[in-house]
Amino acid sequence: MQRRRKLRIKWFRLVLLGIFGYFLYICFNQYSQLSAINQEKEAVKIKLEQARETNATLIEERKRLQDRAYIEKLAREELGLTKPGETPYVPAGKN
């Protein structure tokens, strides 16, 4: 009879050790998932800040495009347009 009692205690310890191991596994798994979520959160924060900067730049550009002088400047510089009666100036290229 004495021998059976020791065998039960060993099974109990084995089951307890298994439960403890499973608990550790779950904790580690949750920690790794939380870490991945935090990394993704930081990446999204960076993208959001970039989007805000782009938005601010576009808002400023839209405001400038409502100014006739700015539109004329763009037309002259980028498109090479002139007013009626003006002679366009084309600098000679360097050879």
Protein backbone atom coordinates (compact mmCIF):
# COMPACT_ATOMS: atom_id res chain seq x y z
CA MET A 1 0.00 0.00 0.00
CA GLN A 2 2.79 2.41 0.76
CA ARG A 3 4.09 2.10 -2.77
CA ARG A 4 0.82 3.16 -4.44
CA ARG A 5 0.62 6.34 -2.43
CA LYS A 6 4.05 7.49 -3.67
CA LEU A 7 3.01 6.73 -7.24
CA ARG A 8 -0.05 9.00 -6.93
CA ILE A 9 2.03 11.84 -5.63
CA LYS A 10 4.39 11.56 -8.58
CA TRP A 11 1.48 11.70 -11.04
CA PHE A 12 0.09 14.72 -9.23
CA ARG A 13 3.45 16.47 -9.47
CA LEU A 14 3.71 15.57 -13.15
CA VAL A 15 0.24 16.99 -13.86
CA LEU A 16 1.06 20.10 -11.83
CA LEU A 17 4.31 20.52 -13.74
CA GLY A 18 2.42 20.14 -17.03
CA ILE A 19 -0.12 22.78 -16.03
CA PHE A 20 2.69 25.12 -14.98
CA GLY A 21 4.49 24.53 -18.30
CA TYR A 22 1.30 25.24 -20.24
CA PHE A 23 0.82 28.45 -18.23
CA LEU A 24 4.36 29.56 -19.08
CA TYR A 25 3.75 28.76 -22.76
CA ILE A 26 0.57 30.87 -22.81
CA CYS A 27 2.32 33.77 -21.06
CA PHE A 28 5.21 33.71 -23.53
CA ASN A 29 2.83 33.50 -26.48
CA GLN A 30 0.80 36.46 -25.22
CA TYR A 31 3.97 38.47 -24.65
CA SER A 32 5.21 37.83 -28.19
CA GLN A 33 1.83 38.80 -29.66
CA LEU A 34 1.78 41.99 -27.58
CA SER A 35 5.29 42.83 -28.73
CA ALA A 36 4.28 42.37 -32.39
CA ILE A 37 1.21 44.57 -31.88
CA ASN A 38 3.36 47.30 -30.29
CA GLN A 39 5.78 47.21 -33.23
CA GLU A 40 2.89 47.49 -35.67
CA LYS A 41 1.48 50.37 -33.63
CA GLU A 42 4.77 52.27 -33.89
CA ALA A 43 4.89 51.69 -37.66
CA VAL A 44 1.33 53.00 -38.00
CA LYS A 45 2.24 56.08 -35.92
CA ILE A 46 5.12 56.82 -38.29
CA LYS A 47 2.87 56.40 -41.35
CA LEU A 48 0.24 58.65 -39.76
CA GLU A 49 2.80 61.37 -39.10
CA GLN A 50 4.03 61.14 -42.70
CA ALA A 51 0.44 61.36 -43.96
CA ARG A 52 -0.17 64.44 -41.81
CA GLU A 53 2.96 66.11 -43.20
CA THR A 54 1.90 65.29 -46.77
CA ASN A 55 -1.58 66.61 -46.05
CA ALA A 56 -0.20 69.88 -44.66
CA THR A 57 2.02 70.27 -47.74
CA LEU A 58 -0.92 69.66 -50.07
CA ILE A 59 -3.11 72.14 -48.18
CA GLU A 60 -0.39 74.79 -48.56
CA GLU A 61 -0.05 73.99 -52.27
CA ARG A 62 -3.83 74.30 -52.71
CA LYS A 63 -3.76 77.71 -51.02
CA ARG A 64 -0.92 78.86 -53.29
CA LEU A 65 -2.79 77.62 -56.38
CA GLN A 66 -5.59 80.07 -55.61
CA ASP A 67 -3.13 82.97 -56.06
CA ARG A 68 -3.00 84.23 -59.66
CA ALA A 69 0.62 85.39 -59.36
CA TYR A 70 1.73 81.91 -58.29
CA ILE A 71 -0.18 80.30 -61.17
CA GLU A 72 1.47 82.70 -63.60
CA LYS A 73 4.89 81.94 -62.15
CA LEU A 74 4.31 78.19 -62.58
CA ALA A 75 3.08 78.66 -66.14
CA ARG A 76 6.15 80.69 -67.07
CA GLU A 77 8.75 78.52 -65.30
CA GLU A 78 7.45 75.01 -65.80
CA LEU A 79 5.49 75.31 -69.03
CA GLY A 80 7.42 78.09 -70.74
CA LEU A 81 4.26 80.08 -71.47
CA THR A 82 4.26 83.79 -72.29
CA LYS A 83 1.67 86.54 -72.41
CA PRO A 84 0.42 87.73 -75.80
CA GLY A 85 2.93 90.15 -77.33
CA GLU A 86 5.89 88.99 -75.19
CA THR A 87 9.00 87.54 -76.73
CA PRO A 88 10.12 84.39 -74.94
CA TYR A 89 13.71 84.36 -73.72
CA VAL A 90 15.46 81.05 -74.24
CA PRO A 91 19.01 80.91 -72.85
CA ALA A 92 21.60 79.33 -75.14
CA GLY A 93 22.62 75.85 -74.04
CA LYS A 94 26.18 75.18 -72.90
CA ASN A 95 28.19 72.94 -75.23
